[in-house]
Amino acid sequence: MSLGDDTGQTRTRMPERGGDPYGGARRGGRSSSRSLVTVVGVVVLLIAAIAFANRGGGDSAAEEGDGSGDSPKSAATAPSGEKPVDTKASGIPSGFAHDRQGAESAAANYAVTLVSADILKPARRTEIVRQVFVADKQASLKDRFNRAYTKEFLSNLGLDENGNAAADNPYISRTMPVGTKVTSYSDTAAAIEVWCTGVFGTAGEKTTNPVTSDWFTMSLQLHWADDDWKVDSFSQKDGPAPVPGDEKASTAEEMAKAVQEYGGFTYAR
C-alpha cells in the first residue's frame, strides 16, 4: 500500500525474469577446479567476516558521535541495547526518548502504523491520526485519509465500509523496517528515512488481489511536541528493492495463518 504523496494507491510488483538482473549477460559454466577455488575463497571470506563481526560492534556508536548537527550519518542502523519505549497509546508505541535514537525509533514504529491494515478502518484511523501526528495537522490528515479510503476503494480490496474483511478473505498489510537514516536532527525537529519491506493483499483462495511483497522508503518529518516525537508530514517512494528470490509462493491459507500466529515488534534503533 502506498501512502504519503500518493495516498490510497496499491502496488503489485511482478518479478522480472530473463538475463542478468543487474544488466550483464549470463555467464557460462566454470570448470570444476575453478569452482572449487571459488568456493574455498568464499568460505575464507565468510570466516574472516564472522571473525571481524565477533570482535564487537561497540565502536559503531562512537563513530556516529552524539547525533548533533544536520549532516546525514554514513553508519548503518545498529542496535543500541536501549529499550525504545515503556508505554503505548491506542496500541501504538509512545513516550520516545528526546534524542536522536528516540526519533529514529519513533519513525520506524510510525512507518509500521501508517502502512498497517488498521489505517483502513475509520474508527481505528481516527485513533492513529490523533496519536501519531502533531495537533495542528490532525484535522487535515484525517480528511485526507477519509477521501482516499472511500467505500469503493475498500470494496476493491475486499473490505466493507468499516475496513473489515470477510472471514475467508483476510486482508493483510504488515510493514517491517529494515533500517533508518537521519537526514537532519535538532532538539525540536528531525527528518528520518525508514527503509521498509512488507506484505500486503488479500489471503483468499479466489482473490484478485493476492498477498505480495513490497519494498519502499518512507520519509518522515518529526517534531517534538507534548513530550514525544510526532509526525508533521511524510512521503513514500519505491525501493531500494533486491532482486526477487526463487522461493515458492505460499498458499492463501498459509499466509493468513502466518500473520495471525506471528506477532509484530516494537522497533528501536
Protein backbone atom coordinates (compact mmCIF):
# COMPACT_ATOMS: atom_id res chain seq x y z
CA MET A 1 0.00 0.00 0.00
CA SER A 2 1.26 3.41 -0.91
CA LEU A 3 0.79 6.35 1.42
CA GLY A 4 2.24 9.82 1.65
CA ASP A 5 2.01 11.90 -1.50
CA ASP A 6 0.08 9.18 -3.35
CA THR A 7 -2.30 8.22 -0.57
CA GLY A 8 -4.55 5.28 -1.26
CA GLN A 9 -2.81 3.56 -4.16
CA THR A 10 -1.85 -0.08 -4.08
CA ARG A 11 1.10 -1.62 -5.82
CA THR A 12 1.70 -5.12 -7.14
CA ARG A 13 5.24 -5.78 -8.21
CA MET A 14 5.86 -8.72 -10.52
CA PRO A 15 9.40 -10.20 -10.70
CA GLU A 16 11.18 -9.68 -13.98
CA ARG A 17 12.90 -12.74 -15.41
CA GLY A 18 15.44 -13.33 -18.13
CA GLY A 19 19.02 -12.19 -18.34
CA ASP A 20 21.22 -10.92 -15.57
CA PRO A 21 19.09 -8.76 -13.25
CA TYR A 22 21.99 -6.34 -12.95
CA GLY A 23 22.23 -5.77 -16.71
CA GLY A 24 25.03 -8.13 -17.75
CA ALA A 25 24.84 -11.19 -19.93
CA ARG A 26 24.58 -14.59 -18.31
CA ARG A 27 27.94 -16.22 -17.81
CA GLY A 28 28.75 -19.73 -18.87
CA GLY A 29 29.67 -22.54 -16.52
CA ARG A 30 33.09 -22.69 -14.95
CA SER A 31 35.37 -25.70 -14.77
CA SER A 32 35.15 -27.85 -11.64
CA SER A 33 38.63 -26.81 -10.46
CA ARG A 34 37.83 -23.12 -10.81
CA SER A 35 34.54 -23.64 -9.00
CA LEU A 36 36.37 -25.35 -6.15
CA VAL A 37 38.78 -22.41 -5.84
CA THR A 38 35.82 -20.02 -5.79
CA VAL A 39 34.06 -22.00 -3.05
CA VAL A 40 37.21 -22.10 -0.91
CA GLY A 41 37.67 -18.37 -1.39
CA VAL A 42 34.10 -17.64 -0.34
CA VAL A 43 34.47 -19.80 2.78
CA VAL A 44 37.66 -17.95 3.76
CA LEU A 45 35.95 -14.60 3.27
CA LEU A 46 32.98 -15.71 5.36
CA ILE A 47 35.22 -16.86 8.19
CA ALA A 48 37.07 -13.54 8.10
CA ALA A 49 33.79 -11.61 8.09
CA ILE A 50 32.43 -13.57 11.05
CA ALA A 51 35.66 -13.05 13.00
CA PHE A 52 35.54 -9.32 12.27
CA ALA A 53 31.88 -9.09 13.34
CA ASN A 54 32.54 -11.01 16.55
CA ARG A 55 35.19 -8.52 17.59
CA GLY A 56 32.27 -6.44 18.80
CA GLY A 57 30.19 -3.58 17.44
CA GLY A 58 30.89 -1.23 20.31
CA ASP A 59 32.81 1.22 18.13
CA SER A 60 29.88 2.00 15.80
CA ALA A 61 28.11 4.25 18.26
CA ALA A 62 31.29 6.15 18.95
CA GLU A 63 31.88 6.65 15.23
CA GLU A 64 28.43 8.18 14.85
CA GLY A 65 29.08 10.74 17.58
CA ASP A 66 26.41 12.31 19.73
CA GLY A 67 23.96 12.86 16.88
CA SER A 68 24.31 16.65 16.80
CA GLY A 69 24.40 18.58 13.55
CA ASP A 70 22.35 18.30 10.40
CA SER A 71 24.53 16.13 8.13
CA PRO A 72 23.40 12.54 7.39
CA LYS A 73 25.46 9.81 9.05
CA SER A 74 27.06 7.09 6.95
CA ALA A 75 26.81 4.38 9.61
CA ALA A 76 24.07 1.80 9.15
CA THR A 77 21.33 1.35 11.71
CA ALA A 78 22.72 -0.66 14.62
CA PRO A 79 21.19 -1.91 17.86
CA SER A 80 21.99 0.06 20.99
CA GLY A 81 20.54 -2.19 23.68
CA GLU A 82 18.28 0.63 24.89
CA LYS A 83 14.61 -0.15 25.34
CA PRO A 84 12.72 2.07 22.87
CA VAL A 85 9.62 2.92 24.94
CA ASP A 86 7.83 1.91 28.11
CA THR A 87 4.28 2.81 27.12
CA LYS A 88 1.73 2.55 24.35
CA ALA A 89 -1.22 4.78 23.49
CA SER A 90 -4.08 3.27 21.48
CA GLY A 91 -1.83 0.28 20.84
CA ILE A 92 0.88 2.47 19.30
CA PRO A 93 4.31 2.83 20.96
CA SER A 94 4.69 6.24 22.61
CA GLY A 95 6.96 8.13 25.00
CA PHE A 96 10.09 8.05 22.81
CA ALA A 97 13.35 9.44 24.13
CA HIS A 98 14.10 13.08 23.40
CA ASP A 99 17.23 12.33 21.41
CA ARG A 100 18.38 11.15 18.00
CA GLN A 101 17.82 7.49 18.82
CA GLY A 102 14.32 8.20 20.09
CA ALA A 103 13.47 9.98 16.84
CA GLU A 104 14.67 7.00 14.80
CA SER A 105 12.64 4.59 16.90
CA ALA A 106 9.55 6.80 16.60
CA ALA A 107 9.92 7.00 12.82
CA ALA A 108 10.28 3.21 12.47
CA ASN A 109 7.24 2.50 14.62
CA TYR A 110 5.14 5.17 12.92
CA ALA A 111 6.02 3.75 9.49
CA VAL A 112 4.64 0.39 10.63
CA THR A 113 1.43 2.03 11.84
CA LEU A 114 0.85 4.19 8.78
CA VAL A 115 1.02 1.23 6.39
CA SER A 116 -0.96 -1.19 8.55
CA ALA A 117 -4.36 -2.70 7.86
CA ASP A 118 -5.69 -0.62 10.79
CA ILE A 119 -5.34 2.61 8.80
CA LEU A 120 -8.12 1.32 6.54
CA LYS A 121 -10.60 1.17 9.43
CA PRO A 122 -12.32 4.56 10.01
CA ALA A 123 -12.61 4.20 13.79
CA ARG A 124 -9.05 2.98 14.20
CA ARG A 125 -7.76 5.59 11.77
CA THR A 126 -9.04 8.39 14.00
CA GLU A 127 -7.01 7.00 16.92
CA ILE A 128 -3.91 6.63 14.76
CA VAL A 129 -4.06 10.20 13.47
CA ARG A 130 -4.56 11.55 16.97
CA GLN A 131 -1.62 9.59 18.37
CA VAL A 132 0.90 9.87 15.53
CA PHE A 133 0.53 13.40 14.13
CA VAL A 134 1.12 16.87 15.56
CA ALA A 135 -2.08 18.54 16.74
CA ASP A 136 -2.34 21.19 14.01
CA LYS A 137 -2.14 18.59 11.22
CA GLN A 138 -4.64 16.07 12.57
CA ALA A 139 -7.82 17.53 11.05
CA SER A 140 -6.36 17.88 7.54
CA LEU A 141 -4.75 14.42 7.66
CA LYS A 142 -7.94 12.77 8.84
CA ASP A 143 -9.84 14.40 5.98
CA ARG A 144 -7.14 13.38 3.52
CA PHE A 145 -7.25 9.75 4.62
CA ASN A 146 -11.05 9.69 4.53
CA ARG A 147 -11.08 10.97 0.95
CA ALA A 148 -8.53 8.35 -0.09
CA TYR A 149 -10.05 5.33 1.64
CA THR A 150 -13.54 5.55 0.21
CA LYS A 151 -16.17 2.84 0.33
CA GLU A 152 -15.40 1.99 -3.30
CA PHE A 153 -11.67 1.77 -2.62
CA LEU A 154 -12.22 -0.53 0.36
CA SER A 155 -14.60 -2.68 -1.67
CA ASN A 156 -11.91 -3.19 -4.31
CA LEU A 157 -9.72 -4.64 -1.55
CA GLY A 158 -12.50 -6.96 -0.42
CA LEU A 159 -13.30 -4.87 2.67
CA ASP A 160 -16.58 -3.45 3.92
CA GLU A 161 -17.09 0.24 4.69
CA ASN A 162 -15.60 -0.29 8.16
CA GLY A 163 -12.41 -1.74 6.73
CA ASN A 164 -13.21 -5.30 7.78
CA ALA A 165 -12.57 -8.31 5.57
CA ALA A 166 -14.71 -11.40 5.16
CA ALA A 167 -13.70 -14.32 7.37
CA ASP A 168 -12.50 -16.37 4.39
CA ASN A 169 -10.63 -13.47 2.76
CA PRO A 170 -8.46 -11.77 5.43
CA TYR A 171 -6.72 -8.60 4.31
CA ILE A 172 -3.02 -8.34 5.20
CA SER A 173 -0.82 -5.25 5.37
CA ARG A 174 2.26 -5.58 7.55
CA THR A 175 5.41 -3.47 7.35
CA MET A 176 8.89 -4.40 8.61
CA PRO A 177 11.51 -1.63 8.86
CA VAL A 178 14.93 -2.68 7.57
CA GLY A 179 16.84 0.40 8.70
CA THR A 180 16.65 4.12 9.42
CA LYS A 181 18.66 7.15 8.30
CA VAL A 182 18.69 10.57 9.96
CA THR A 183 18.94 13.33 7.35
CA SER A 184 18.65 16.17 9.89
CA TYR A 185 18.24 16.44 13.64
CA SER A 186 17.76 19.08 16.34
CA ASP A 187 16.12 19.14 19.76
CA THR A 188 12.81 20.20 18.20
CA ALA A 189 12.72 18.53 14.77
CA ALA A 190 14.09 15.54 12.90
CA ALA A 191 13.93 14.23 9.36
CA ILE A 192 14.12 10.43 9.22
CA GLU A 193 14.04 7.99 6.33
CA VAL A 194 12.84 4.45 7.06
CA TRP A 195 13.68 1.71 4.57
CA CYS A 196 10.93 -0.92 4.73
CA THR A 197 9.73 -4.16 3.31
CA GLY A 198 6.32 -5.66 3.85
CA VAL A 199 3.46 -7.84 2.66
CA PHE A 200 0.03 -6.71 1.57
CA GLY A 201 -3.01 -8.14 -0.17
CA THR A 202 -5.93 -10.48 0.42
CA ALA A 203 -5.24 -14.04 1.55
CA GLY A 204 -8.22 -15.63 -0.15
CA GLU A 205 -8.35 -18.63 -2.47
CA LYS A 206 -10.16 -16.71 -5.25
CA THR A 207 -8.83 -13.23 -4.61
CA THR A 208 -7.77 -10.94 -7.46
CA ASN A 209 -5.51 -9.08 -5.02
CA PRO A 210 -3.15 -11.80 -3.68
CA VAL A 211 -0.62 -11.13 -0.94
CA THR A 212 2.64 -9.86 -2.37
CA SER A 213 5.82 -8.28 -1.04
CA ASP A 214 6.91 -4.68 -1.37
CA TRP A 215 9.99 -2.52 -0.75
CA PHE A 216 9.75 1.20 -0.12
CA THR A 217 11.28 4.10 1.77
CA MET A 218 9.17 6.37 3.96
CA SER A 219 10.42 9.87 4.78
CA LEU A 220 9.01 11.40 7.96
CA GLN A 221 9.34 14.93 9.29
CA LEU A 222 9.09 14.74 13.09
CA HIS A 223 8.55 17.44 15.68
CA TRP A 224 8.98 17.25 19.44
CA ALA A 225 5.53 18.04 20.88
CA ASP A 226 3.64 17.02 24.02
CA ASP A 227 6.77 15.29 25.36
CA ASP A 228 7.01 12.94 22.40
CA TRP A 229 8.06 12.75 18.76
CA LYS A 230 5.11 13.38 16.43
CA VAL A 231 4.78 13.33 12.64
CA ASP A 232 4.41 16.68 10.88
CA SER A 233 4.44 15.25 7.35
CA PHE A 234 5.51 12.16 5.46
CA SER A 235 6.01 10.81 1.95
CA GLN A 236 6.84 7.47 0.37
CA LYS A 237 8.81 6.22 -2.61
CA ASP A 238 9.60 2.83 -4.13
CA GLY A 239 12.72 0.81 -3.23
CA PRO A 240 15.51 0.14 -2.83
CA ALA A 241 14.41 -3.38 -3.74
CA PRO A 242 16.56 -6.53 -4.00
CA VAL A 243 16.46 -8.99 -6.87
CA PRO A 244 13.42 -11.26 -6.32
CA GLY A 245 14.28 -14.70 -4.97
CA ASP A 246 13.11 -18.05 -6.23
CA GLU A 247 11.07 -19.05 -3.18
CA LYS A 248 7.86 -20.92 -3.87
CA ALA A 249 4.83 -18.77 -3.07
CA SER A 250 2.81 -19.96 -0.06
CA THR A 251 -0.88 -20.74 -0.24
CA ALA A 252 -3.50 -18.23 0.86
CA GLU A 253 -4.17 -20.36 3.95
CA GLU A 254 -0.50 -20.41 4.91
CA MET A 255 -0.21 -16.62 4.55
CA ALA A 256 -3.31 -15.93 6.63
CA LYS A 257 -2.16 -18.34 9.33
CA ALA A 258 1.32 -16.82 9.46
CA VAL A 259 0.02 -13.29 10.01
CA GLN A 260 -2.36 -14.50 12.73
CA GLU A 261 0.27 -16.55 14.55
CA TYR A 262 3.34 -14.28 14.29
CA GLY A 263 3.11 -11.02 16.19
CA GLY A 264 4.78 -7.73 15.34
CA PHE A 265 7.56 -5.85 17.13
CA THR A 266 8.22 -2.53 18.76
CA TYR A 267 11.11 -1.17 16.71
CA ALA A 268 14.14 0.53 18.22
CA ARG A 269 17.42 1.80 16.89
